[in-house]
Amino acid sequence: MQNQVRKQITLYSDGSSLGNPGPGGYGGILEFKGIMKEYSGADANTTNNRMELQGVIEGLKLLKEPCDVEVVSDSSYVVKAINEWLEDWIKRDFKKVKNVDLWKAYLEAAAPHNVSGTWVRGHDGHPENERCDELARNEAERIKLTR
C-alpha cells in the first residue's frame, strides 16, 4: 500500500507577553510552496509560554487536511515539548506540567498531522521569526490598550 503524500508545511510562530502574566499576543506564518499566510491573536492576561504555544495551536487549526508540519519557533519550551517531552507527559497524565489545557488543545490540533519542531535563535535576523515576533508584539500592545 502506498503512503499518501502529504503537503509539506512550515509553521513559523512566536508569542509575546507584556508582563508575565500580562497582556499577550501570538503571531504566525504558514508557508506552503513559498506562499505565506499570516495569522495572529491576543489574550488579555497570559504568559509568554502560553502565547508561544497558542500560536502553534492556532496555526495547526488553520490546516484543512493532514500535513507534514515543521514548527519553527524561538521557544525552546515549545520545540522541546513537541520533540522530546510530550510523550512522557501523556504517560503520566500531565502531572506537574504547566499549561495542561493548551497542551491538550495542541494534541487535538496536531493529531491529523506529522509535527516536528525546529528551534531558531530569537531576534537573530531570521525573517519569518522576526515577522512573527512583530505580529505577536502588535497584538499584545493592541490588547493592552483595550484593558
Protein backbone atom coordinates (compact mmCIF):
# COMPACT_ATOMS: atom_id res chain seq x y z
CA MET A 1 0.00 0.00 0.00
CA GLN A 2 1.38 3.37 -0.99
CA ASN A 3 1.56 6.15 1.59
CA GLN A 4 -0.44 9.24 0.77
CA VAL A 5 1.84 12.17 0.01
CA ARG A 6 1.20 14.96 2.50
CA LYS A 7 1.68 18.64 1.93
CA GLN A 8 4.90 19.96 3.48
CA ILE A 9 4.00 22.98 5.62
CA THR A 10 6.31 25.24 7.60
CA LEU A 11 4.62 26.88 10.57
CA TYR A 12 6.57 29.83 11.96
CA SER A 13 5.28 31.04 15.31
CA ASP A 14 6.13 33.41 18.15
CA GLY A 15 4.49 34.64 21.33
CA SER A 16 4.80 37.78 23.41
CA SER A 17 3.66 38.82 26.85
CA LEU A 18 3.90 42.32 28.34
CA GLY A 19 4.48 41.22 31.88
CA ASN A 20 4.44 37.56 32.76
CA PRO A 21 1.48 37.29 33.27
CA GLY A 22 0.07 40.25 31.41
CA PRO A 23 -1.45 41.14 28.07
CA GLY A 24 -0.07 38.88 25.37
CA GLY A 25 -0.18 38.06 21.71
CA TYR A 26 0.90 35.44 19.24
CA GLY A 27 1.80 35.66 15.59
CA GLY A 28 2.37 33.03 12.98
CA ILE A 29 3.04 32.35 9.34
CA LEU A 30 2.02 29.21 7.47
CA GLU A 31 4.18 28.56 4.41
CA PHE A 32 3.35 26.14 1.60
CA LYS A 33 5.46 26.17 -1.57
CA GLY A 34 6.54 29.76 -0.97
CA ILE A 35 3.00 31.05 -0.31
CA MET A 36 2.69 32.70 3.10
CA LYS A 37 -0.43 33.17 5.24
CA GLU A 38 -0.13 35.29 8.40
CA TYR A 39 -2.32 35.00 11.48
CA SER A 40 -2.31 36.49 14.97
CA GLY A 41 -4.34 36.85 18.14
CA ALA A 42 -4.23 38.04 21.73
CA ASP A 43 -5.16 37.28 25.32
CA ALA A 44 -5.69 39.94 27.99
CA ASN A 45 -3.99 38.00 30.80
CA THR A 46 -1.45 35.36 29.85
CA THR A 47 2.20 34.32 29.88
CA ASN A 48 4.88 34.22 27.23
CA ASN A 49 4.92 30.40 27.15
CA ARG A 50 1.15 30.25 26.74
CA MET A 51 1.30 32.63 23.79
CA GLU A 52 4.20 30.71 22.21
CA LEU A 53 2.08 27.54 22.36
CA GLN A 54 -1.18 29.24 21.36
CA GLY A 55 0.49 30.46 18.19
CA VAL A 56 1.34 26.89 17.18
CA ILE A 57 -2.15 25.61 18.04
CA GLU A 58 -3.88 28.32 16.01
CA GLY A 59 -1.64 27.63 13.01
CA LEU A 60 -2.37 23.90 13.12
CA LYS A 61 -6.10 24.62 13.36
CA LEU A 62 -5.92 26.56 10.07
CA LEU A 63 -4.74 23.49 8.14
CA LYS A 64 -7.57 21.87 6.18
CA GLU A 65 -6.03 18.41 5.62
CA PRO A 66 -3.37 16.17 7.21
CA CYS A 67 0.10 17.63 6.57
CA ASP A 68 3.75 17.20 7.46
CA VAL A 69 4.36 20.29 9.59
CA GLU A 70 7.68 21.75 10.66
CA VAL A 71 7.11 24.15 13.54
CA VAL A 72 9.84 26.80 13.56
CA SER A 73 9.99 28.70 16.84
CA ASP A 74 12.42 30.54 19.10
CA SER A 75 10.69 28.90 22.08
CA SER A 76 12.80 26.01 23.37
CA TYR A 77 9.82 25.21 25.65
CA VAL A 78 7.55 24.55 22.67
CA VAL A 79 10.15 22.85 20.47
CA LYS A 80 11.48 20.54 23.21
CA ALA A 81 7.95 19.64 24.30
CA ILE A 82 6.96 18.72 20.73
CA ASN A 83 10.15 16.75 20.01
CA GLU A 84 11.02 15.26 23.41
CA TRP A 85 8.73 15.81 26.39
CA LEU A 86 5.13 15.28 25.27
CA GLU A 87 5.23 11.51 25.12
CA ASP A 88 6.30 11.29 28.77
CA TRP A 89 3.79 13.98 29.82
CA ILE A 90 0.98 11.95 28.27
CA LYS A 91 2.16 8.75 30.01
CA ARG A 92 2.00 10.48 33.40
CA ASP A 93 -1.28 12.26 32.61
CA PHE A 94 0.38 15.71 32.62
CA LYS A 95 1.21 15.59 36.32
CA LYS A 96 3.36 18.59 37.30
CA VAL A 97 3.09 20.06 33.79
CA LYS A 98 2.11 23.70 33.28
CA ASN A 99 -0.40 24.81 30.64
CA VAL A 100 -2.13 21.41 30.50
CA ASP A 101 -5.22 22.94 28.86
CA LEU A 102 -3.11 24.22 25.97
CA TRP A 103 -1.06 21.04 25.63
CA LYS A 104 -4.29 19.05 25.34
CA ALA A 105 -5.53 21.55 22.74
CA TYR A 106 -2.20 21.15 20.94
CA LEU A 107 -2.56 17.36 20.88
CA GLU A 108 -6.03 17.68 19.39
CA ALA A 109 -4.90 20.20 16.75
CA ALA A 110 -1.77 18.18 15.92
CA ALA A 111 -3.50 14.77 15.78
CA PRO A 112 -4.08 14.64 11.99
CA HIS A 113 -0.56 15.86 11.21
CA ASN A 114 3.06 14.74 11.46
CA VAL A 115 4.58 17.56 13.51
CA SER A 116 8.23 18.24 14.30
CA GLY A 117 9.84 21.26 15.91
CA THR A 118 12.88 23.29 14.87
CA TRP A 119 14.37 25.85 17.22
CA VAL A 120 15.78 29.14 15.89
CA ARG A 121 17.52 31.84 17.89
CA GLY A 122 15.13 34.72 18.55
CA HIS A 123 15.90 38.27 17.46
CA ASP A 124 18.71 36.95 15.27
CA GLY A 125 17.59 38.22 11.88
CA HIS A 126 15.51 35.17 10.83
CA PRO A 127 12.95 36.96 8.59
CA GLU A 128 9.88 34.84 9.38
CA ASN A 129 10.68 34.68 13.10
CA GLU A 130 11.14 38.46 13.17
CA ARG A 131 7.77 38.94 11.42
CA CYS A 132 6.02 36.57 13.86
CA ASP A 133 7.58 38.48 16.75
CA GLU A 134 6.27 41.74 15.28
CA LEU A 135 2.75 40.27 14.86
CA ALA A 136 2.78 38.93 18.44
CA ARG A 137 4.02 42.21 19.96
CA ASN A 138 1.46 44.22 17.97
CA GLU A 139 -1.34 42.01 19.31
CA ALA A 140 -0.05 42.31 22.89
CA GLU A 141 0.17 46.10 22.58
CA ARG A 142 -3.30 46.28 21.00
CA ILE A 143 -4.95 44.29 23.80
CA LYS A 144 -3.04 46.25 26.45
CA LEU A 145 -4.64 49.44 25.13
CA THR A 146 -8.16 47.96 25.35
CA ARG A 147 -7.86 46.99 29.04
